[in-house]
Protein backbone atom coordinates (compact mmCIF):
# COMPACT_ATOMS: atom_id res chain seq x y z
CA MET A 1 -0.04 -0.03 0.07
CA ASN A 2 1.43 3.47 -0.92
CA ARG A 3 1.88 6.26 1.55
CA SER A 4 -1.49 7.93 0.47
CA GLY A 5 -3.27 4.55 1.01
CA LEU A 6 -1.86 4.29 4.50
CA LEU A 7 -2.71 7.76 5.31
CA ALA A 8 -6.31 7.30 4.32
CA THR A 9 -6.51 4.08 6.24
CA ALA A 10 -5.25 5.60 9.22
CA ALA A 11 -7.66 8.46 9.03
CA LEU A 12 -10.73 6.17 8.56
CA MET A 13 -9.61 4.22 11.43
CA ALA A 14 -9.28 7.33 13.56
CA VAL A 15 -12.90 8.40 12.63
CA SER A 16 -14.23 4.72 13.11
CA ALA A 17 -12.89 4.83 16.59
CA LEU A 18 -15.21 7.58 17.14
CA THR A 19 -18.20 6.22 15.37
CA PRO A 20 -20.87 3.86 16.70
CA ALA A 21 -21.32 1.14 14.21
CA HIS A 22 -25.16 1.68 13.80
CA ALA A 23 -25.01 5.41 13.27
CA ALA A 24 -24.59 7.48 10.26
CA GLY A 25 -24.97 11.28 10.24
CA TYR A 26 -21.88 13.55 9.64
CA LYS A 27 -19.99 12.91 6.52
CA TYR A 28 -16.33 13.82 6.23
CA PHE A 29 -14.08 13.92 3.09
CA ILE A 30 -10.47 13.05 3.91
CA TYR A 31 -7.87 14.92 1.39
CA LYS A 32 -4.24 15.24 0.93
CA GLU A 33 -3.14 18.78 0.11
CA ASN A 34 -0.48 19.34 -2.30
CA ASP A 35 2.21 19.92 0.36
CA GLY A 36 1.37 16.61 1.86
CA THR A 37 -0.96 17.62 4.84
CA VAL A 38 -4.03 15.47 5.47
CA TRP A 39 -7.29 17.25 6.04
CA PHE A 40 -10.68 16.14 7.38
CA SER A 41 -13.33 18.51 5.79
CA ASP A 42 -17.12 18.36 6.15
CA ARG A 43 -17.47 19.37 2.27
CA GLN A 44 -15.64 18.98 -0.75
CA LEU A 45 -12.34 21.06 -1.44
CA PRO A 46 -10.92 22.23 -4.76
CA LYS A 47 -9.39 19.40 -6.85
CA LYS A 48 -6.52 21.66 -7.82
CA ARG A 49 -4.99 21.79 -4.57
CA TYR A 50 -6.59 18.67 -2.64
CA ARG A 51 -6.71 15.27 -3.62
CA LEU A 52 -9.50 13.13 -2.20
CA LEU A 53 -8.00 10.00 -0.13
CA ALA A 54 -11.48 8.72 1.24
CA THR A 55 -14.80 9.51 2.77
CA ALA A 56 -16.15 8.72 6.18
CA THR A 57 -19.20 9.18 8.40
CA LEU A 58 -19.02 10.42 11.82
CA GLY A 59 -22.36 9.22 13.72
CA TRP A 60 -22.74 11.42 16.75
CA GLY A 61 -21.61 14.87 15.61
CA ARG A 62 -18.24 16.58 15.53
CA PRO A 63 -16.00 15.60 18.36
CA PRO A 64 -14.52 18.37 20.61
CA ALA A 65 -11.04 19.66 20.36
CA HIS A 66 -8.45 18.27 22.91
CA VAL A 67 -7.65 21.34 24.87
CA HIS A 68 -6.28 22.37 28.36
CA CYS A 69 -9.04 24.56 29.93
CA GLY A 70 -6.84 26.04 32.73
CA ASN A 71 -6.61 29.84 32.79
CA VAL A 72 -9.86 29.83 30.54
CA GLU A 73 -11.31 32.94 32.26
CA HIS A 74 -8.13 35.04 31.57
CA ARG A 75 -8.23 34.00 27.87
CA ALA A 76 -11.93 34.73 27.76
CA GLN A 77 -11.48 38.34 29.08
CA THR A 78 -8.53 39.02 26.39
CA LEU A 79 -11.01 38.12 23.62
CA SER A 80 -13.96 39.95 25.15
CA LYS A 81 -14.01 43.01 22.78
CA THR A 82 -13.55 40.96 19.76
CA ILE A 83 -16.26 38.67 20.51
CA GLN A 84 -18.55 41.51 21.47
CA ARG A 85 -17.80 43.33 18.29
CA TYR A 86 -18.68 40.45 16.05
CA ALA A 87 -21.58 39.22 17.93
CA ARG A 88 -23.19 42.66 17.75
CA GLN A 89 -22.46 43.05 14.16
CA HIS A 90 -24.16 39.84 13.16
CA GLY A 91 -27.19 40.26 15.72
CA LEU A 92 -25.98 37.78 18.38
CA ASP A 93 -25.79 37.87 22.22
CA PRO A 94 -21.98 38.00 23.07
CA ALA A 95 -22.82 35.71 25.82
CA LEU A 96 -23.90 33.13 23.53
CA VAL A 97 -20.78 33.37 21.37
CA LYS A 98 -18.45 33.12 24.32
CA ALA A 99 -20.56 30.03 25.44
CA ILE A 100 -19.89 28.46 22.12
CA ILE A 101 -16.21 29.16 22.03
CA HIS A 102 -15.82 27.95 25.60
CA VAL A 103 -17.47 24.63 24.79
CA GLU A 104 -15.47 24.36 21.29
CA SER A 105 -12.02 25.38 22.36
CA CYS A 106 -11.91 26.76 25.82
CA PHE A 107 -10.73 29.82 24.23
CA ASP A 108 -7.50 28.25 22.82
CA LYS A 109 -6.90 29.86 19.55
CA ARG A 110 -4.65 26.81 18.40
CA ALA A 111 -7.20 24.22 19.37
CA VAL A 112 -7.52 21.38 16.72
CA SER A 113 -10.11 18.57 16.98
CA PRO A 114 -9.52 15.08 16.08
CA VAL A 115 -11.04 15.45 12.77
CA GLY A 116 -9.29 18.69 11.97
CA ALA A 117 -11.67 21.59 13.26
CA GLN A 118 -9.52 24.46 13.87
CA GLY A 119 -9.21 27.50 16.01
CA LEU A 120 -11.33 29.19 18.74
CA MET A 121 -14.79 28.37 16.95
CA GLN A 122 -13.48 25.14 15.62
CA LEU A 123 -13.99 25.62 11.79
CA MET A 124 -13.73 22.64 9.53
CA PRO A 125 -11.40 23.36 6.56
CA GLY A 126 -14.24 23.30 3.92
CA THR A 127 -16.36 25.74 6.01
CA ALA A 128 -13.46 28.08 6.81
CA HIS A 129 -12.54 28.29 2.82
CA GLU A 130 -16.31 28.85 2.15
CA LEU A 131 -16.28 31.63 4.55
CA GLY A 132 -13.33 33.24 3.08
CA VAL A 133 -10.71 32.21 5.72
CA SER A 134 -7.50 30.73 4.37
CA ASP A 135 -5.36 28.06 5.85
CA HIS A 136 -2.88 30.45 7.36
CA GLU A 137 -5.65 32.79 8.83
CA VAL A 138 -7.75 30.01 10.50
CA PHE A 139 -5.79 30.38 13.84
CA ASP A 140 -6.16 34.19 13.89
CA PRO A 141 -8.60 34.92 16.45
CA GLU A 142 -10.47 37.89 14.55
CA LYS A 143 -10.99 35.84 11.49
CA ASN A 144 -11.80 32.58 13.27
CA ILE A 145 -14.51 34.32 15.41
CA GLU A 146 -15.91 36.53 12.65
CA ALA A 147 -16.33 33.62 10.28
CA GLY A 148 -17.58 31.42 13.09
CA VAL A 149 -20.11 33.88 14.19
CA ARG A 150 -21.38 34.58 10.59
CA TYR A 151 -21.63 30.69 9.99
CA PHE A 152 -23.81 30.37 13.40
CA ARG A 153 -25.91 33.24 12.46
CA ARG A 154 -26.66 31.36 9.05
CA MET A 155 -27.70 28.22 11.15
CA LEU A 156 -29.90 30.40 13.31
CA ASP A 157 -31.41 32.01 10.48
CA ASP A 158 -32.11 28.63 8.66
CA PHE A 159 -33.63 26.89 11.83
CA LYS A 160 -34.92 29.79 13.67
CA ASP A 161 -34.44 27.80 16.90
CA LEU A 162 -31.48 28.00 19.00
CA ASP A 163 -31.12 24.34 20.07
CA LYS A 164 -31.41 23.16 16.27
CA ALA A 165 -28.77 25.92 15.23
CA LEU A 166 -26.36 24.76 18.02
CA ALA A 167 -26.98 21.00 16.84
CA ALA A 168 -26.38 22.22 13.18
CA TYR A 169 -23.07 23.90 14.05
CA ASN A 170 -21.87 20.64 15.69
CA ALA A 171 -23.33 17.92 13.50
CA GLY A 172 -24.08 19.82 10.33
CA PRO A 173 -27.20 21.29 9.10
CA GLY A 174 -28.05 18.10 7.26
CA ALA A 175 -28.31 16.03 10.20
CA VAL A 176 -30.65 18.62 11.84
CA LYS A 177 -33.01 18.62 8.56
CA LYS A 178 -32.93 14.73 8.53
CA TYR A 179 -34.19 14.24 12.08
CA ASN A 180 -36.10 17.59 12.07
CA GLY A 181 -34.48 18.62 15.31
CA ILE A 182 -31.43 17.68 17.38
CA PRO A 183 -30.06 14.63 16.12
CA PRO A 184 -29.96 11.27 18.20
CA PHE A 185 -26.30 11.54 18.56
CA LYS A 186 -24.93 11.52 22.18
CA GLU A 187 -22.08 14.05 21.22
CA THR A 188 -24.36 16.56 19.64
CA GLN A 189 -27.00 16.25 22.55
CA GLN A 190 -24.13 16.76 25.02
CA TYR A 191 -22.82 19.77 22.94
CA VAL A 192 -26.24 21.57 22.97
CA ARG A 193 -26.66 20.98 26.76
CA ARG A 194 -23.20 22.24 27.44
CA VAL A 195 -23.50 25.54 25.26
CA ARG A 196 -26.78 26.28 27.20
CA THR A 197 -25.34 25.82 30.49
CA GLN A 198 -22.29 28.12 29.64
CA TYR A 199 -24.70 30.53 27.97
CA GLN A 200 -26.51 30.90 31.21
CA ARG A 201 -23.41 31.35 33.29
CA TYR A 202 -21.98 34.15 31.08
CA ARG A 203 -25.55 35.82 30.79
CA SER A 204 -25.60 35.89 34.47
CA ARG A 205 -22.25 37.57 34.63
CA GLY A 206 -23.21 40.05 32.05
CA SER A 207 -20.70 38.44 29.59
CA GLN A 208 -17.85 40.32 31.30
CA GLY A 209 -15.68 37.21 31.78
C-alpha cells in the first residue's frame, strides 16, 4: 500500500474509533493537500489543491478539540472585545458566542479537534474556505471568530431555533434537517446542553468574563 493509502486508512480508523457502528450522520471527506498535509473536511475541497483520499461518516456529531482549559477566564477576557464586536455585528448575544467558544475550544486559539476542526470556533477546513478564511488565517482570533459567528448566524436564520442551530453547528445542518431537530447523537446532545449551560453562566455575569 502506498503512503497515501496508508494515510487514508489511518484517517478512516481514527474516525471509525469515534463512530458507533449503527450510526450515520456527519459525512467527512479526507484529503491530501499538495504539500502532503492530510485534512478532514465536512465538504468537498478544490481538486486543484486537494486530492481526495477517502470519505467517512461520523455518527454523533463533531468531536470536541483536545484542549487544556486552565486559565480559561483570562483567555476569555482577552478576547471579550473581539467577541462583542462580531456578535453585535451579526445580531447575536455576546454571551452566546462566548459560550460556544468555551465549549468548542476553551478559548484556545490553536485548538484542533481529532477530525481537523480548527481554532477558537472550531471551523472545519471546507467551512473556513467557504467563509473566506485561508489555511494560514484560521488560527487568527479575529478571522476565526468573525467567520464562526457568521456561520452560526446562518444556522440560526435557517432553523430559527437556538437548539437546532447549535446542533447544526456541531453535527451539520443536514443531520438536523434529517431528524427535524437535534439528532440522536450523544455528542451533539451533550454539546447543546453544554453550550446552554455556559450561555446561562455568561449571561448571569453580564458576559464580562
